[in-house]
Protein backbone atom coordinates (compact mmCIF):
# COMPACT_ATOMS: atom_id res chain seq x y z
CA MET A 1 4.63 -14.34 -15.42
CA LYS A 2 1.06 -15.43 -14.79
CA VAL A 3 -1.76 -13.02 -13.89
CA LEU A 4 -5.05 -14.11 -12.32
CA VAL A 5 -8.08 -11.92 -13.04
CA PRO A 6 -11.33 -12.64 -11.15
CA VAL A 7 -14.49 -11.51 -12.96
CA LYS A 8 -18.07 -11.36 -11.68
CA ARG A 9 -21.37 -11.72 -13.53
CA VAL A 10 -23.68 -8.87 -12.49
CA VAL A 11 -26.80 -7.07 -13.70
CA ASP A 12 -25.76 -4.82 -16.60
CA TYR A 13 -25.03 -1.27 -15.47
CA ASN A 14 -27.56 0.13 -17.97
CA VAL A 15 -30.43 -1.84 -16.40
CA LYS A 16 -32.66 -0.18 -13.82
CA VAL A 17 -32.97 -2.82 -11.11
CA ARG A 18 -36.25 -3.60 -9.37
CA VAL A 19 -36.70 -4.78 -5.81
CA LYS A 20 -38.77 -7.95 -5.37
CA SER A 21 -42.26 -7.43 -4.00
CA ASP A 22 -41.45 -9.41 -0.86
CA GLY A 23 -38.32 -7.32 -0.19
CA THR A 24 -35.98 -10.32 -0.17
CA GLY A 25 -33.68 -9.02 -2.88
CA VAL A 26 -33.34 -7.67 -6.40
CA ASP A 27 -35.30 -9.18 -9.28
CA ILE A 28 -32.85 -10.56 -11.87
CA ALA A 29 -35.30 -12.68 -13.85
CA ASN A 30 -35.08 -11.93 -17.58
CA VAL A 31 -32.58 -9.13 -16.88
CA LYS A 32 -29.49 -8.53 -19.01
CA MET A 33 -26.34 -9.67 -17.23
CA SER A 34 -22.76 -8.68 -18.05
CA MET A 35 -19.26 -8.50 -16.63
CA ASN A 36 -18.74 -6.19 -13.66
CA PRO A 37 -17.28 -2.95 -15.16
CA PHE A 38 -14.38 -2.79 -12.69
CA ASP A 39 -13.47 -6.40 -13.54
CA GLU A 40 -13.57 -5.53 -17.23
CA ILE A 41 -10.97 -2.84 -16.52
CA ALA A 42 -8.88 -5.47 -14.70
CA VAL A 43 -9.00 -7.83 -17.70
CA GLU A 44 -8.03 -4.98 -20.02
CA GLU A 45 -5.06 -4.03 -17.82
CA ALA A 46 -3.82 -7.63 -17.64
CA THR A 47 -4.16 -7.91 -21.42
CA ARG A 48 -2.17 -4.71 -21.94
CA LEU A 49 0.60 -6.02 -19.66
CA LYS A 50 0.69 -9.18 -21.75
CA GLU A 51 0.82 -7.20 -25.00
CA ALA A 52 3.70 -5.18 -23.55
CA GLY A 53 5.64 -8.40 -22.95
CA LYS A 54 5.50 -8.14 -19.15
CA VAL A 55 3.08 -11.06 -18.71
CA THR A 56 3.04 -14.48 -20.37
CA GLU A 57 -0.41 -15.77 -19.37
CA VAL A 58 -3.70 -14.23 -18.23
CA VAL A 59 -6.15 -16.53 -16.46
CA ALA A 60 -9.75 -15.33 -15.93
CA VAL A 61 -11.64 -16.76 -12.94
CA SER A 62 -15.30 -16.58 -12.01
CA ALA A 63 -17.46 -18.14 -9.31
CA GLY A 64 -21.20 -18.70 -9.52
CA VAL A 65 -23.84 -20.28 -11.71
CA THR A 66 -23.26 -22.00 -15.06
CA GLN A 67 -24.07 -18.78 -16.97
CA CYS A 68 -20.83 -17.29 -15.61
CA GLN A 69 -19.17 -19.12 -18.51
CA GLU A 70 -20.49 -16.33 -20.75
CA THR A 71 -18.66 -13.77 -18.60
CA LEU A 72 -15.46 -15.81 -18.83
CA ARG A 73 -15.81 -16.05 -22.63
CA THR A 74 -16.07 -12.25 -22.72
CA ALA A 75 -12.88 -12.00 -20.66
CA MET A 76 -11.15 -14.38 -23.07
CA ALA A 77 -12.42 -12.32 -26.01
CA ILE A 78 -10.76 -9.26 -24.45
CA GLY A 79 -7.47 -11.11 -24.09
CA ALA A 80 -7.45 -13.74 -21.31
CA ASP A 81 -5.76 -16.99 -22.37
CA ARG A 82 -8.04 -19.38 -20.49
CA GLY A 83 -10.81 -19.43 -17.94
CA ILE A 84 -11.72 -21.22 -14.70
CA LEU A 85 -15.27 -21.40 -13.37
CA VAL A 86 -15.97 -22.39 -9.77
CA GLU A 87 -19.54 -23.51 -10.30
CA THR A 88 -22.04 -23.17 -7.45
CA THR A 89 -25.64 -22.08 -6.99
CA THR A 90 -24.95 -20.80 -3.47
CA GLU A 91 -25.11 -17.02 -3.08
CA LEU A 92 -21.47 -16.10 -2.60
CA GLU A 93 -20.27 -13.54 -0.08
CA PRO A 94 -16.94 -11.64 -0.32
CA LEU A 95 -15.18 -13.89 2.21
CA ALA A 96 -16.28 -17.05 0.39
CA VAL A 97 -15.04 -15.61 -2.93
CA ALA A 98 -11.73 -14.63 -1.31
CA LYS A 99 -11.30 -18.19 0.02
CA LEU A 100 -12.05 -19.66 -3.41
CA LEU A 101 -9.54 -17.31 -5.03
CA LYS A 102 -6.91 -18.20 -2.42
CA ALA A 103 -7.37 -21.88 -3.21
CA LEU A 104 -7.01 -21.17 -6.93
CA ALA A 105 -3.98 -18.94 -6.31
CA ASP A 106 -2.32 -21.74 -4.33
CA LYS A 107 -2.99 -24.07 -7.28
CA GLU A 108 -2.15 -21.74 -10.18
CA GLN A 109 0.72 -19.85 -8.49
CA PRO A 110 0.19 -16.45 -10.20
CA GLN A 111 2.63 -13.62 -9.54
CA LEU A 112 -0.06 -10.96 -9.77
CA ILE A 113 -3.81 -10.86 -9.14
CA ILE A 114 -5.74 -7.95 -10.65
CA LEU A 115 -9.40 -7.54 -9.78
CA GLY A 116 -12.05 -4.82 -9.73
CA LYS A 117 -12.18 -2.73 -6.57
CA GLN A 118 -15.85 -3.63 -6.09
CA ALA A 119 -18.88 -5.18 -7.77
CA ILE A 120 -21.72 -2.91 -8.82
CA ASP A 121 -24.38 -5.21 -7.39
CA ASP A 122 -23.39 -5.45 -3.71
CA ASP A 123 -20.74 -2.65 -3.62
CA SER A 124 -18.92 -4.55 -0.87
CA ASN A 125 -15.36 -3.53 -1.85
CA GLN A 126 -13.96 -6.34 0.32
CA THR A 127 -12.81 -9.29 -1.80
CA GLY A 128 -9.42 -7.89 -2.84
CA GLN A 129 -8.51 -6.87 0.70
CA MET A 130 -9.67 -10.18 2.18
CA LEU A 131 -7.73 -12.12 -0.44
CA ALA A 132 -4.56 -10.17 0.35
CA ALA A 133 -4.98 -11.00 4.04
CA LEU A 134 -5.57 -14.71 3.36
CA LEU A 135 -2.56 -14.97 1.04
CA GLY A 136 -0.33 -12.65 3.07
CA TRP A 137 0.46 -10.65 -0.08
CA PRO A 138 0.95 -6.88 -0.39
CA GLN A 139 -1.98 -5.00 -1.89
CA ALA A 140 -2.66 -1.74 -3.70
CA THR A 141 -6.31 -0.76 -4.01
CA PHE A 142 -8.06 1.78 -6.29
CA ALA A 143 -5.28 1.71 -8.90
CA SER A 144 -5.27 4.41 -11.58
CA LYS A 145 -1.87 3.38 -13.01
CA VAL A 146 0.04 0.09 -12.95
CA VAL A 147 3.71 -0.34 -13.96
CA LEU A 148 5.28 -3.81 -13.84
CA ASP A 149 9.07 -4.16 -13.83
CA ASP A 150 11.92 -6.14 -12.21
CA GLY A 151 9.83 -8.24 -9.82
CA LYS A 152 7.96 -5.22 -8.56
CA VAL A 153 4.70 -3.51 -9.43
CA THR A 154 4.39 0.26 -9.00
CA VAL A 155 0.81 1.38 -8.48
CA THR A 156 -0.59 4.89 -8.46
CA ARG A 157 -3.78 4.82 -6.42
CA GLU A 158 -6.54 7.34 -5.85
CA VAL A 159 -6.99 8.52 -2.28
CA ASP A 160 -9.03 11.32 -0.72
CA GLY A 161 -6.09 13.72 -0.71
CA GLY A 162 -5.02 13.05 -4.31
CA LEU A 163 -2.72 10.33 -5.62
CA GLU A 164 -0.49 7.90 -3.74
CA THR A 165 2.25 5.80 -5.37
CA LEU A 166 3.16 2.41 -3.92
CA SER A 167 5.87 -0.07 -4.89
CA LEU A 168 4.95 -3.69 -4.17
CA THR A 169 7.15 -6.77 -4.29
CA LEU A 170 5.57 -9.59 -6.28
CA PRO A 171 3.46 -11.61 -5.74
CA ALA A 172 0.90 -8.88 -5.12
CA ILE A 173 -2.75 -7.92 -5.43
CA VAL A 174 -4.06 -4.86 -7.28
CA THR A 175 -7.66 -3.64 -7.39
CA THR A 176 -8.69 -1.38 -10.24
CA ASP A 177 -10.41 2.01 -10.32
CA LEU A 178 -12.33 3.58 -13.19
CA ARG A 179 -9.48 5.80 -14.45
CA LEU A 180 -6.97 2.97 -14.91
CA ASN A 181 -7.96 2.37 -18.54
CA GLU A 182 -10.83 2.16 -21.00
CA PRO A 183 -11.65 -1.45 -21.96
CA ARG A 184 -11.45 -2.25 -25.66
CA TYR A 185 -14.43 -3.06 -27.83
CA VAL A 186 -14.74 -6.82 -28.20
CA THR A 187 -14.65 -7.74 -31.90
CA LEU A 188 -16.47 -10.65 -33.52
CA PRO A 189 -13.23 -12.47 -34.54
CA ASN A 190 -12.03 -12.36 -30.92
CA ILE A 191 -15.41 -13.65 -29.72
CA MET A 192 -15.04 -16.60 -32.10
CA LYS A 193 -11.47 -17.23 -30.93
CA ALA A 194 -12.62 -17.16 -27.30
CA LYS A 195 -14.96 -20.09 -27.96
CA LYS A 196 -11.93 -22.27 -28.70
CA LYS A 197 -9.99 -21.31 -25.57
CA THR A 198 -9.84 -23.63 -22.56
CA LEU A 199 -12.48 -23.20 -19.87
CA ASP A 200 -12.15 -25.47 -16.84
CA VAL A 201 -15.06 -26.03 -14.45
CA THR A 202 -14.58 -27.00 -10.80
CA LYS A 203 -16.62 -26.99 -7.58
CA PRO A 204 -15.99 -25.30 -4.21
CA GLU A 205 -15.76 -28.71 -2.54
CA ASP A 206 -13.03 -29.71 -5.01
CA LEU A 207 -11.03 -26.77 -3.70
CA GLY A 208 -11.83 -27.61 -0.08
CA VAL A 209 -13.73 -24.37 0.53
CA ASP A 210 -16.95 -24.00 2.50
CA VAL A 211 -19.08 -21.29 0.85
CA THR A 212 -22.04 -21.51 3.23
CA PRO A 213 -23.45 -17.96 3.67
CA ARG A 214 -22.60 -16.25 6.95
CA LEU A 215 -24.84 -13.25 6.41
CA LYS A 216 -28.61 -12.99 6.13
CA THR A 217 -30.37 -10.27 4.16
CA VAL A 218 -33.14 -8.97 6.39
CA LYS A 219 -34.77 -6.62 3.92
CA VAL A 220 -34.12 -4.87 0.60
CA ALA A 221 -35.96 -1.61 -0.12
CA GLU A 222 -35.80 1.06 -2.79
CA PRO A 223 -34.48 4.47 -1.73
CA ALA A 224 -37.03 7.15 -0.94
CA LYS A 225 -38.00 9.20 -3.96
CA ARG A 226 -36.61 12.72 -4.01
CA SER A 227 -39.06 15.57 -3.95
CA ALA A 228 -38.84 18.22 -6.67
CA GLY A 229 -36.65 21.25 -6.05
CA ILE A 230 -38.07 24.74 -5.65
CA ILE A 231 -36.87 28.26 -6.50
CA VAL A 232 -36.91 30.75 -3.64
CA PRO A 233 -37.23 34.51 -4.17
CA ASP A 234 -34.47 35.64 -1.79
CA VAL A 235 -31.82 34.59 0.71
CA ALA A 236 -34.08 35.19 3.71
CA THR A 237 -36.62 32.66 2.41
CA LEU A 238 -33.84 30.15 1.68
CA VAL A 239 -32.49 30.46 5.23
CA ALA A 240 -35.98 30.12 6.67
CA LYS A 241 -36.67 26.93 4.70
CA LEU A 242 -33.29 25.46 5.64
CA ARG A 243 -34.10 26.14 9.29
CA THR A 244 -37.79 25.15 9.47
CA GLU A 245 -38.20 22.52 6.72
CA ALA A 246 -34.83 20.94 6.03
CA LYS A 247 -33.69 21.51 9.63
CA VAL A 248 -30.04 21.67 8.61
CA ILE A 249 -29.23 24.96 10.32
């Protein structure tokens, strides 16, 4: 069984991002970049399924600039067998990524696609769902547990009311949530081994996909700074402030 795991190169989650002075976007010059945390969880889960003997091959996929090869090497250091980079300098939107992944899925014929539920840069939470629609495959989003057996995948997913368990017939798509697993620490020997693994590079036009942006960012602005909290002497003062200042009652 083959598993496809898309991974995205994003600004590291420890970095405090800065908005560009002209408000056109976020400044990523000289900023540490890393794999999207939810995608890292997806790679870890696919690797665990392989170690359990349920999966024979894990293929990591990324789309973007040349530096995305570093992200793919990290995925291969975690446990992916090979990597595929769809190289482009165009700013990719969720629909364009979903179309690229569909083209790769048609070519690679995986039985399962595991990807992060969302990226921490745009927080779109759309790619997995769009890909499922394009492929016509069943999907289970926000997975906190994945069990693969007998041509089916059983997924426990987190919903507002608690937990929901779904049984999907393969091929299927699963998007990962934070509580699915804790990604392993990447060791130096595995990093060295990853350098020897196959990494293929292709272009969107080779896959027959138009990635021209359909959306235009009008403005990016930092959120308003919160004012400091205050301590009130009694309930009457609290109610008065909620009514006159906060205007919530």
